Amino acid sequence: MSYLPVHIQNSTDYSCVGTVTYRASNLCTSDDYTLDPLGSWTAESRGGCLIRIITAQLTIDGQKVDAVPYEDGGSRSQFAVIHSGENQYSVTRVVT
């Protein structure tokens, strides 16, 4: 079985970097990504790899801010980095 490539949308006004880590780490290589403000990224491929965790770290006024990661994404493919509260950011699943 092959899953859709991971797609991450940055809905913030800040650049960020992060990693998509898959469950079968010995069979699936993690994907590092970089997002411009309001930008997006799509993995080249994913094969049969299920997601374990997606992290994001934003750069805000020269400071590094860790977003709350998304864990146990499984076969999901659409995600976003969002402003989730005062001085708080999160990686979340996009429901269509």
PDB file of N, CA and C in Angstrom:
ATOM      1  N   MET A   1       0.846  -1.184   0.000  1.00  0.00           N
ATOM      2  CA  MET A   1       0.000   0.000   0.000  1.00  0.00           C
ATOM      3  C   MET A   1       0.885   1.238   0.000  1.00  0.00           C
ATOM      4  N   SER A   2       0.484   2.221  -0.773  1.00  0.00           N
ATOM      5  CA  SER A   2       1.224   3.469  -0.856  1.00  0.00           C
ATOM      6  C   SER A   2       0.309   4.618  -0.426  1.00  0.00           C
ATOM      7  N   TYR A   3       0.832   5.511   0.414  1.00  0.00           N
ATOM      8  CA  TYR A   3       0.054   6.640   0.932  1.00  0.00           C
ATOM      9  C   TYR A   3       0.386   7.919   0.171  1.00  0.00           C
ATOM     10  N   LEU A   4      -0.535   8.886   0.220  1.00  0.00           N
ATOM     11  CA  LEU A   4      -0.284  10.184  -0.397  1.00  0.00           C
ATOM     12  C   LEU A   4       0.904  10.850   0.289  1.00  0.00           C
ATOM     13  N   PRO A   5       1.701  11.615  -0.460  1.00  0.00           N
ATOM     14  CA  PRO A   5       2.824  12.330   0.158  1.00  0.00           C
ATOM     15  C   PRO A   5       2.319  13.322   1.209  1.00  0.00           C
ATOM     16  N   VAL A   6       3.131  13.542   2.230  1.00  0.00           N
ATOM     17  CA  VAL A   6       2.798  14.504   3.282  1.00  0.00           C
ATOM     18  C   VAL A   6       2.859  15.913   2.702  1.00  0.00           C
ATOM     19  N   HIS A   7       1.846  16.714   3.015  1.00  0.00           N
ATOM     20  CA  HIS A   7       1.790  18.119   2.599  1.00  0.00           C
ATOM     21  C   HIS A   7       1.589  18.967   3.858  1.00  0.00           C
ATOM     22  N   ILE A   8       2.437  19.983   4.032  1.00  0.00           N
ATOM     23  CA  ILE A   8       2.344  20.857   5.204  1.00  0.00           C
ATOM     24  C   ILE A   8       2.223  22.297   4.730  1.00  0.00           C
ATOM     25  N   GLN A   9       1.217  22.993   5.238  1.00  0.00           N
ATOM     26  CA  GLN A   9       0.970  24.406   4.942  1.00  0.00           C
ATOM     27  C   GLN A   9       1.348  25.229   6.171  1.00  0.00           C
ATOM     28  N   ASN A  10       2.105  26.287   5.979  1.00  0.00           N
ATOM     29  CA  ASN A  10       2.443  27.199   7.075  1.00  0.00           C
ATOM     30  C   ASN A  10       1.434  28.340   7.056  1.00  0.00           C
ATOM     31  N   SER A  11       0.568  28.408   8.043  1.00  0.00           N
ATOM     32  CA  SER A  11      -0.448  29.463   8.085  1.00  0.00           C
ATOM     33  C   SER A  11      -0.015  30.623   8.971  1.00  0.00           C
ATOM     34  N   THR A  12       1.279  30.660   9.331  1.00  0.00           N
ATOM     35  CA  THR A  12       1.797  31.741  10.174  1.00  0.00           C
ATOM     36  C   THR A  12       2.615  32.722   9.344  1.00  0.00           C
ATOM     37  N   ASP A  13       2.945  33.854   9.955  1.00  0.00           N
ATOM     38  CA  ASP A  13       3.762  34.876   9.310  1.00  0.00           C
ATOM     39  C   ASP A  13       5.246  34.678   9.569  1.00  0.00           C
ATOM     40  N   TYR A  14       5.638  33.478  10.019  1.00  0.00           N
ATOM     41  CA  TYR A  14       7.020  33.204  10.390  1.00  0.00           C
ATOM     42  C   TYR A  14       7.548  31.989   9.632  1.00  0.00           C
ATOM     43  N   SER A  15       8.841  31.994   9.356  1.00  0.00           N
ATOM     44  CA  SER A  15       9.446  30.825   8.731  1.00  0.00           C
ATOM     45  C   SER A  15       9.582  29.717   9.769  1.00  0.00           C
ATOM     46  N   CYS A  16       9.640  28.489   9.300  1.00  0.00           N
ATOM     47  CA  CYS A  16       9.813  27.377  10.231  1.00  0.00           C
ATOM     48  C   CYS A  16      10.513  26.211   9.554  1.00  0.00           C
ATOM     49  N   VAL A  17      11.088  25.364  10.376  1.00  0.00           N
ATOM     50  CA  VAL A  17      11.724  24.124   9.930  1.00  0.00           C
ATOM     51  C   VAL A  17      11.141  23.000  10.767  1.00  0.00           C
ATOM     52  N   GLY A  18      11.214  21.791  10.258  1.00  0.00           N
ATOM     53  CA  GLY A  18      10.693  20.668  11.030  1.00  0.00           C
ATOM     54  C   GLY A  18      11.063  19.343  10.402  1.00  0.00           C
ATOM     55  N   THR A  19      10.550  18.287  11.016  1.00  0.00           N
ATOM     56  CA  THR A  19      10.831  16.928  10.567  1.00  0.00           C
ATOM     57  C   THR A  19       9.561  16.093  10.621  1.00  0.00           C
ATOM     58  N   VAL A  20       9.360  15.293   9.586  1.00  0.00           N
ATOM     59  CA  VAL A  20       8.313  14.272   9.566  1.00  0.00           C
ATOM     60  C   VAL A  20       9.013  12.952   9.852  1.00  0.00           C
ATOM     61  N   THR A  21       8.664  12.317  10.968  1.00  0.00           N
ATOM     62  CA  THR A  21       9.261  11.040  11.344  1.00  0.00           C
ATOM     63  C   THR A  21       8.219   9.950  11.160  1.00  0.00           C
ATOM     64  N   TYR A  22       8.629   8.890  10.503  1.00  0.00           N
ATOM     65  CA  TYR A  22       7.719   7.790  10.203  1.00  0.00           C
ATOM     66  C   TYR A  22       7.888   6.660  11.221  1.00  0.00           C
ATOM     67  N   ARG A  23       6.877   5.816  11.346  1.00  0.00           N
ATOM     68  CA  ARG A  23       6.877   4.750  12.362  1.00  0.00           C
ATOM     69  C   ARG A  23       7.966   3.707  12.144  1.00  0.00           C
ATOM     70  N   ALA A  24       8.110   3.221  10.949  1.00  0.00           N
ATOM     71  CA  ALA A  24       9.099   2.171  10.675  1.00  0.00           C
ATOM     72  C   ALA A  24      10.425   2.836  10.319  1.00  0.00           C
ATOM     73  N   SER A  25      11.091   3.393  11.334  1.00  0.00           N
ATOM     74  CA  SER A  25      12.286   4.193  11.085  1.00  0.00           C
ATOM     75  C   SER A  25      13.404   3.406  10.410  1.00  0.00           C
ATOM     76  N   ASN A  26      13.414   2.078  10.546  1.00  0.00           N
ATOM     77  CA  ASN A  26      14.448   1.287   9.884  1.00  0.00           C
ATOM     78  C   ASN A  26      14.140   1.081   8.394  1.00  0.00           C
ATOM     79  N   LEU A  27      12.883   1.310   7.995  1.00  0.00           N
ATOM     80  CA  LEU A  27      12.487   1.155   6.599  1.00  0.00           C
ATOM     81  C   LEU A  27      12.160   2.484   5.921  1.00  0.00           C
ATOM     82  N   CYS A  28      11.812   3.494   6.723  1.00  0.00           N
ATOM     83  CA  CYS A  28      11.358   4.774   6.191  1.00  0.00           C
ATOM     84  C   CYS A  28      12.272   5.894   6.702  1.00  0.00           C
ATOM     85  N   THR A  29      12.760   6.707   5.789  1.00  0.00           N
ATOM     86  CA  THR A  29      13.646   7.807   6.145  1.00  0.00           C
ATOM     87  C   THR A  29      12.827   9.041   6.499  1.00  0.00           C
ATOM     88  N   SER A  30      13.196   9.715   7.585  1.00  0.00           N
ATOM     89  CA  SER A  30      12.526  10.951   7.985  1.00  0.00           C
ATOM     90  C   SER A  30      12.687  12.008   6.904  1.00  0.00           C
ATOM     91  N   ASP A  31      11.724  12.917   6.832  1.00  0.00           N
ATOM     92  CA  ASP A  31      11.778  14.042   5.899  1.00  0.00           C
ATOM     93  C   ASP A  31      11.937  15.333   6.681  1.00  0.00           C
ATOM     94  N   ASP A  32      12.982  16.098   6.379  1.00  0.00           N
ATOM     95  CA  ASP A  32      13.147  17.438   6.940  1.00  0.00           C
ATOM     96  C   ASP A  32      12.526  18.428   5.961  1.00  0.00           C
ATOM     97  N   TYR A  33      11.920  19.481   6.496  1.00  0.00           N
ATOM     98  CA  TYR A  33      11.302  20.476   5.633  1.00  0.00           C
ATOM     99  C   TYR A  33      11.590  21.888   6.145  1.00  0.00           C
ATOM    100  N   THR A  34      11.490  22.847   5.235  1.00  0.00           N
ATOM    101  CA  THR A  34      11.622  24.264   5.542  1.00  0.00           C
ATOM    102  C   THR A  34      10.440  24.975   4.909  1.00  0.00           C
ATOM    103  N   LEU A  35       9.802  25.840   5.677  1.00  0.00           N
ATOM    104  CA  LEU A  35       8.641  26.579   5.179  1.00  0.00           C
ATOM    105  C   LEU A  35       8.857  28.080   5.325  1.00  0.00           C
ATOM    106  N   ASP A  36       8.610  28.801   4.250  1.00  0.00           N
ATOM    107  CA  ASP A  36       8.568  30.259   4.320  1.00  0.00           C
ATOM    108  C   ASP A  36       7.255  30.666   4.980  1.00  0.00           C
ATOM    109  N   PRO A  37       7.149  31.920   5.442  1.00  0.00           N
ATOM    110  CA  PRO A  37       5.859  32.382   5.963  1.00  0.00           C
ATOM    111  C   PRO A  37       4.759  32.158   4.916  1.00  0.00           C
ATOM    112  N   LEU A  38       3.667  31.571   5.340  1.00  0.00           N
ATOM    113  CA  LEU A  38       2.506  31.275   4.499  1.00  0.00           C
ATOM    114  C   LEU A  38       2.841  30.342   3.333  1.00  0.00           C
ATOM    115  N   GLY A  39       3.977  29.648   3.404  1.00  0.00           N
ATOM    116  CA  GLY A  39       4.384  28.735   2.345  1.00  0.00           C
ATOM    117  C   GLY A  39       3.898  27.318   2.583  1.00  0.00           C
ATOM    118  N   SER A  40       4.237  26.434   1.648  1.00  0.00           N
ATOM    119  CA  SER A  40       3.850  25.032   1.787  1.00  0.00           C
ATOM    120  C   SER A  40       4.987  24.138   1.306  1.00  0.00           C
ATOM    121  N   TRP A  41       4.914  22.874   1.703  1.00  0.00           N
ATOM    122  CA  TRP A  41       5.914  21.869   1.347  1.00  0.00           C
ATOM    123  C   TRP A  41       5.188  20.545   1.142  1.00  0.00           C
ATOM    124  N   THR A  42       5.648  19.786   0.154  1.00  0.00           N
ATOM    125  CA  THR A  42       5.113  18.450  -0.093  1.00  0.00           C
ATOM    126  C   THR A  42       6.287  17.490  -0.238  1.00  0.00           C
ATOM    127  N   ALA A  43       6.218  16.372   0.473  1.00  0.00           N
ATOM    128  CA  ALA A  43       7.266  15.352   0.375  1.00  0.00           C
ATOM    129  C   ALA A  43       7.290  14.787  -1.042  1.00  0.00           C
ATOM    130  N   GLU A  44       8.467  14.338  -1.466  1.00  0.00           N
ATOM    131  CA  GLU A  44       8.578  13.750  -2.801  1.00  0.00           C
ATOM    132  C   GLU A  44       7.796  12.458  -2.910  1.00  0.00           C
ATOM    133  N   SER A  45       7.905  11.621  -1.907  1.00  0.00           N
ATOM    134  CA  SER A  45       7.155  10.366  -1.878  1.00  0.00           C
ATOM    135  C   SER A  45       7.084   9.880  -0.443  1.00  0.00           C
ATOM    136  N   ARG A  46       6.318   8.843  -0.237  1.00  0.00           N
ATOM    137  CA  ARG A  46       6.129   8.340   1.115  1.00  0.00           C
ATOM    138  C   ARG A  46       6.016   6.828   1.162  1.00  0.00           C
ATOM    139  N   GLY A  47       5.612   6.233   0.055  1.00  0.00           N
ATOM    140  CA  GLY A  47       5.453   4.788   0.011  1.00  0.00           C
ATOM    141  C   GLY A  47       4.432   4.314   1.027  1.00  0.00           C
ATOM    142  N   GLY A  48       4.766   3.246   1.732  1.00  0.00           N
ATOM    143  CA  GLY A  48       3.868   2.677   2.730  1.00  0.00           C
ATOM    144  C   GLY A  48       4.182   3.129   4.145  1.00  0.00           C
ATOM    145  N   CYS A  49       4.848   4.271   4.289  1.00  0.00           N
ATOM    146  CA  CYS A  49       5.276   4.750   5.609  1.00  0.00           C
ATOM    147  C   CYS A  49       4.155   5.494   6.330  1.00  0.00           C
ATOM    148  N   LEU A  50       3.868   5.081   7.560  1.00  0.00           N
ATOM    149  CA  LEU A  50       2.898   5.766   8.415  1.00  0.00           C
ATOM    150  C   LEU A  50       3.626   6.804   9.264  1.00  0.00           C
ATOM    151  N   ILE A  51       2.973   7.923   9.498  1.00  0.00           N
ATOM    152  CA  ILE A  51       3.576   9.018  10.265  1.00  0.00           C
ATOM    153  C   ILE A  51       3.533   8.715  11.754  1.00  0.00           C
ATOM    154  N   ARG A  52       4.633   9.032  12.439  1.00  0.00           N
ATOM    155  CA  ARG A  52       4.688   8.932  13.897  1.00  0.00           C
ATOM    156  C   ARG A  52       4.573  10.318  14.527  1.00  0.00           C
ATOM    157  N   ILE A  53       5.353  11.291  14.023  1.00  0.00           N
ATOM    158  CA  ILE A  53       5.347  12.632  14.604  1.00  0.00           C
ATOM    159  C   ILE A  53       5.802  13.651  13.559  1.00  0.00           C
ATOM    160  N   ILE A  54       5.230  14.853  13.630  1.00  0.00           N
ATOM    161  CA  ILE A  54       5.657  15.977  12.800  1.00  0.00           C
ATOM    162  C   ILE A  54       6.007  17.123  13.736  1.00  0.00           C
ATOM    163  N   THR A  55       7.233  17.607  13.651  1.00  0.00           N
ATOM    164  CA  THR A  55       7.672  18.718  14.489  1.00  0.00           C
ATOM    165  C   THR A  55       7.807  19.984  13.652  1.00  0.00           C
ATOM    166  N   ALA A  56       7.806  21.127  14.335  1.00  0.00           N
ATOM    167  CA  ALA A  56       8.036  22.418  13.679  1.00  0.00           C
ATOM    168  C   ALA A  56       8.691  23.356  14.684  1.00  0.00           C
ATOM    169  N   GLN A  57       9.627  24.157  14.198  1.00  0.00           N
ATOM    170  CA  GLN A  57      10.262  25.187  15.013  1.00  0.00           C
ATOM    171  C   GLN A  57      10.235  26.482  14.209  1.00  0.00           C
ATOM    172  N   LEU A  58       9.562  27.486  14.770  1.00  0.00           N
ATOM    173  CA  LEU A  58       9.413  28.769  14.110  1.00  0.00           C
ATOM    174  C   LEU A  58      10.514  29.721  14.562  1.00  0.00           C
ATOM    175  N   THR A  59      10.856  30.675  13.704  1.00  0.00           N
ATOM    176  CA  THR A  59      11.777  31.740  14.074  1.00  0.00           C
ATOM    177  C   THR A  59      10.967  33.020  14.166  1.00  0.00           C
ATOM    178  N   ILE A  60      10.842  33.533  15.406  1.00  0.00           N
ATOM    179  CA  ILE A  60      10.022  34.718  15.671  1.00  0.00           C
ATOM    180  C   ILE A  60      10.918  35.771  16.304  1.00  0.00           C
ATOM    181  N   ASP A  61      11.114  36.882  15.602  1.00  0.00           N
ATOM    182  CA  ASP A  61      11.966  37.974  16.079  1.00  0.00           C
ATOM    183  C   ASP A  61      13.337  37.458  16.519  1.00  0.00           C
ATOM    184  N   GLY A  62      13.893  36.541  15.720  1.00  0.00           N
ATOM    185  CA  GLY A  62      15.214  36.000  15.999  1.00  0.00           C
ATOM    186  C   GLY A  62      15.254  34.893  17.039  1.00  0.00           C
ATOM    187  N   GLN A  63      14.120  34.574  17.637  1.00  0.00           N
ATOM    188  CA  GLN A  63      14.039  33.531  18.663  1.00  0.00           C
ATOM    189  C   GLN A  63      13.443  32.262  18.073  1.00  0.00           C
ATOM    190  N   LYS A  64      13.951  31.108  18.512  1.00  0.00           N
ATOM    191  CA  LYS A  64      13.415  29.809  18.087  1.00  0.00           C
ATOM    192  C   LYS A  64      12.266  29.417  19.017  1.00  0.00           C
ATOM    193  N   VAL A  65      11.126  29.091  18.433  1.00  0.00           N
ATOM    194  CA  VAL A  65       9.937  28.709  19.199  1.00  0.00           C
ATOM    195  C   VAL A  65       9.463  27.342  18.697  1.00  0.00           C
ATOM    196  N   ASP A  66       9.425  26.351  19.594  1.00  0.00           N
ATOM    197  CA  ASP A  66       8.955  25.022  19.223  1.00  0.00           C
ATOM    198  C   ASP A  66       7.433  24.985  19.212  1.00  0.00           C
ATOM    199  N   ALA A  67       6.875  24.495  18.112  1.00  0.00           N
ATOM    200  CA  ALA A  67       5.433  24.280  18.035  1.00  0.00           C
ATOM    201  C   ALA A  67       5.099  22.961  18.725  1.00  0.00           C
ATOM    202  N   VAL A  68       3.870  22.839  19.192  1.00  0.00           N
ATOM    203  CA  VAL A  68       3.393  21.576  19.730  1.00  0.00           C
ATOM    204  C   VAL A  68       3.347  20.604  18.552  1.00  0.00           C
ATOM    205  N   PRO A  69       4.043  19.471  18.637  1.00  0.00           N
ATOM    206  CA  PRO A  69       4.092  18.557  17.491  1.00  0.00           C
ATOM    207  C   PRO A  69       2.772  17.819  17.282  1.00  0.00           C
ATOM    208  N   TYR A  70       2.591  17.309  16.079  1.00  0.00           N
ATOM    209  CA  TYR A  70       1.462  16.439  15.784  1.00  0.00           C
ATOM    210  C   TYR A  70       1.978  15.016  15.898  1.00  0.00           C
ATOM    211  N   GLU A  71       1.306  14.200  16.698  1.00  0.00           N
ATOM    212  CA  GLU A  71       1.739  12.828  16.905  1.00  0.00           C
ATOM    213  C   GLU A  71       0.696  11.853  16.404  1.00  0.00           C
ATOM    214  N   ASP A  72       1.184  10.706  15.918  1.00  0.00           N
ATOM    215  CA  ASP A  72       0.337   9.611  15.452  1.00  0.00           C
ATOM    216  C   ASP A  72      -0.543  10.023  14.283  1.00  0.00           C
ATOM    217  N   GLY A  73       0.090  10.551  13.250  1.00  0.00           N
ATOM    218  CA  GLY A  73      -0.644  10.947  12.050  1.00  0.00           C
ATOM    219  C   GLY A  73      -1.102   9.764  11.219  1.00  0.00           C
ATOM    220  N   GLY A  74      -0.493   8.587  11.429  1.00  0.00           N
ATOM    221  CA  GLY A  74      -0.890   7.406  10.686  1.00  0.00           C
ATOM    222  C   GLY A  74      -0.808   7.616   9.195  1.00  0.00           C
ATOM    223  N   SER A  75      -1.915   7.404   8.505  1.00  0.00           N
ATOM    224  CA  SER A  75      -1.937   7.508   7.051  1.00  0.00           C
ATOM    225  C   SER A  75      -2.356   8.891   6.556  1.00  0.00           C
ATOM    226  N   ARG A  76      -2.627   9.804   7.443  1.00  0.00           N
ATOM    227  CA  ARG A  76      -3.036  11.167   7.058  1.00  0.00           C
ATOM    228  C   ARG A  76      -1.961  11.809   6.194  1.00  0.00           C
ATOM    229  N   SER A  77      -2.351  12.818   5.392  1.00  0.00           N
ATOM    230  CA  SER A  77      -1.355  13.452   4.536  1.00  0.00           C
ATOM    231  C   SER A  77      -1.373  14.979   4.566  1.00  0.00           C
ATOM    232  N   GLN A  78      -2.432  15.598   5.057  1.00  0.00           N
ATOM    233  CA  GLN A  78      -2.563  17.062   5.028  1.00  0.00           C
ATOM    234  C   GLN A  78      -2.408  17.643   6.433  1.00  0.00           C
ATOM    235  N   PHE A  79      -1.435  18.569   6.582  1.00  0.00           N
ATOM    236  CA  PHE A  79      -1.149  19.161   7.886  1.00  0.00           C
ATOM    237  C   PHE A  79      -0.895  20.652   7.736  1.00  0.00           C
ATOM    238  N   ALA A  80      -0.950  21.370   8.868  1.00  0.00           N
ATOM    239  CA  ALA A  80      -0.673  22.808   8.861  1.00  0.00           C
ATOM    240  C   ALA A  80       0.028  23.202  10.152  1.00  0.00           C
ATOM    241  N   VAL A  81       0.879  24.221  10.048  1.00  0.00           N
ATOM    242  CA  VAL A  81       1.472  24.868  11.216  1.00  0.00           C
ATOM    243  C   VAL A  81       0.598  26.088  11.479  1.00  0.00           C
ATOM    244  N   ILE A  82       0.038  26.163  12.697  1.00  0.00           N
ATOM    245  CA  ILE A  82      -0.924  27.223  13.008  1.00  0.00           C
ATOM    246  C   ILE A  82      -0.547  27.960  14.295  1.00  0.00           C
ATOM    247  N   HIS A  83      -1.094  29.173  14.431  1.00  0.00           N
ATOM    248  CA  HIS A  83      -1.018  29.926  15.678  1.00  0.00           C
ATOM    249  C   HIS A  83      -2.182  29.429  16.525  1.00  0.00           C
ATOM    250  N   SER A  84      -1.882  28.770  17.642  1.00  0.00           N
ATOM    251  CA  SER A  84      -2.933  28.097  18.404  1.00  0.00           C
ATOM    252  C   SER A  84      -3.257  28.754  19.740  1.00  0.00           C
ATOM    253  N   GLY A  85      -2.643  29.870  20.043  1.00  0.00           N
ATOM    254  CA  GLY A  85      -2.908  30.572  21.292  1.00  0.00           C
ATOM    255  C   GLY A  85      -1.839  31.621  21.515  1.00  0.00           C
ATOM    256  N   GLU A  86      -1.954  32.339  22.592  1.00  0.00           N
ATOM    257  CA  GLU A  86      -0.977  33.383  22.881  1.00  0.00           C
ATOM    258  C   GLU A  86       0.419  32.773  22.999  1.00  0.00           C
ATOM    259  N   ASN A  87       1.302  33.186  22.099  1.00  0.00           N
ATOM    260  CA  ASN A  87       2.683  32.688  22.058  1.00  0.00           C
ATOM    261  C   ASN A  87       2.765  31.169  21.907  1.00  0.00           C
ATOM    262  N   GLN A  88       1.774  30.562  21.297  1.00  0.00           N
ATOM    263  CA  GLN A  88       1.783  29.116  21.110  1.00  0.00           C
ATOM    264  C   GLN A  88       1.428  28.765  19.667  1.00  0.00           C
ATOM    265  N   TYR A  89       2.149  27.778  19.153  1.00  0.00           N
ATOM    266  CA  TYR A  89       1.966  27.312  17.779  1.00  0.00           C
ATOM    267  C   TYR A  89       1.863  25.800  17.807  1.00  0.00           C
ATOM    268  N   SER A  90       1.186  25.250  16.798  1.00  0.00           N
ATOM    269  CA  SER A  90       0.967  23.793  16.759  1.00  0.00           C
ATOM    270  C   SER A  90       1.021  23.294  15.330  1.00  0.00           C
ATOM    271  N   VAL A  91       1.364  22.011  15.203  1.00  0.00           N
ATOM    272  CA  VAL A  91       1.197  21.305  13.937  1.00  0.00           C
ATOM    273  C   VAL A  91      -0.110  20.537  14.085  1.00  0.00           C
ATOM    274  N   THR A  92      -0.996  20.694  13.119  1.00  0.00           N
ATOM    275  CA  THR A  92      -2.313  20.070  13.220  1.00  0.00           C
ATOM    276  C   THR A  92      -2.697  19.409  11.902  1.00  0.00           C
ATOM    277  N   ARG A  93      -3.583  18.475  11.969  1.00  0.00           N
ATOM    278  CA  ARG A  93      -4.105  17.804  10.781  1.00  0.00           C
ATOM    279  C   ARG A  93      -5.144  18.685  10.119  1.00  0.00           C
ATOM    280  N   VAL A  94      -5.127  18.744   8.805  1.00  0.00           N
ATOM    281  CA  VAL A  94      -6.118  19.493   8.050  1.00  0.00           C
ATOM    282  C   VAL A  94      -7.218  18.524   7.633  1.00  0.00           C
ATOM    283  N   VAL A  95      -8.442  18.842   7.974  1.00  0.00           N
ATOM    284  CA  VAL A  95      -9.587  18.002   7.630  1.00  0.00           C
ATOM    285  C   VAL A  95     -10.293  18.619   6.435  1.00  0.00           C
ATOM    286  N   THR A  96     -10.456  17.811   5.374  1.00  0.00           N
ATOM    287  CA  THR A  96     -11.122  18.325   4.180  1.00  0.00           C
ATOM    288  C   THR A  96     -12.447  17.653   3.967  1.00  0.00           C
TER     289      THR A  96
END
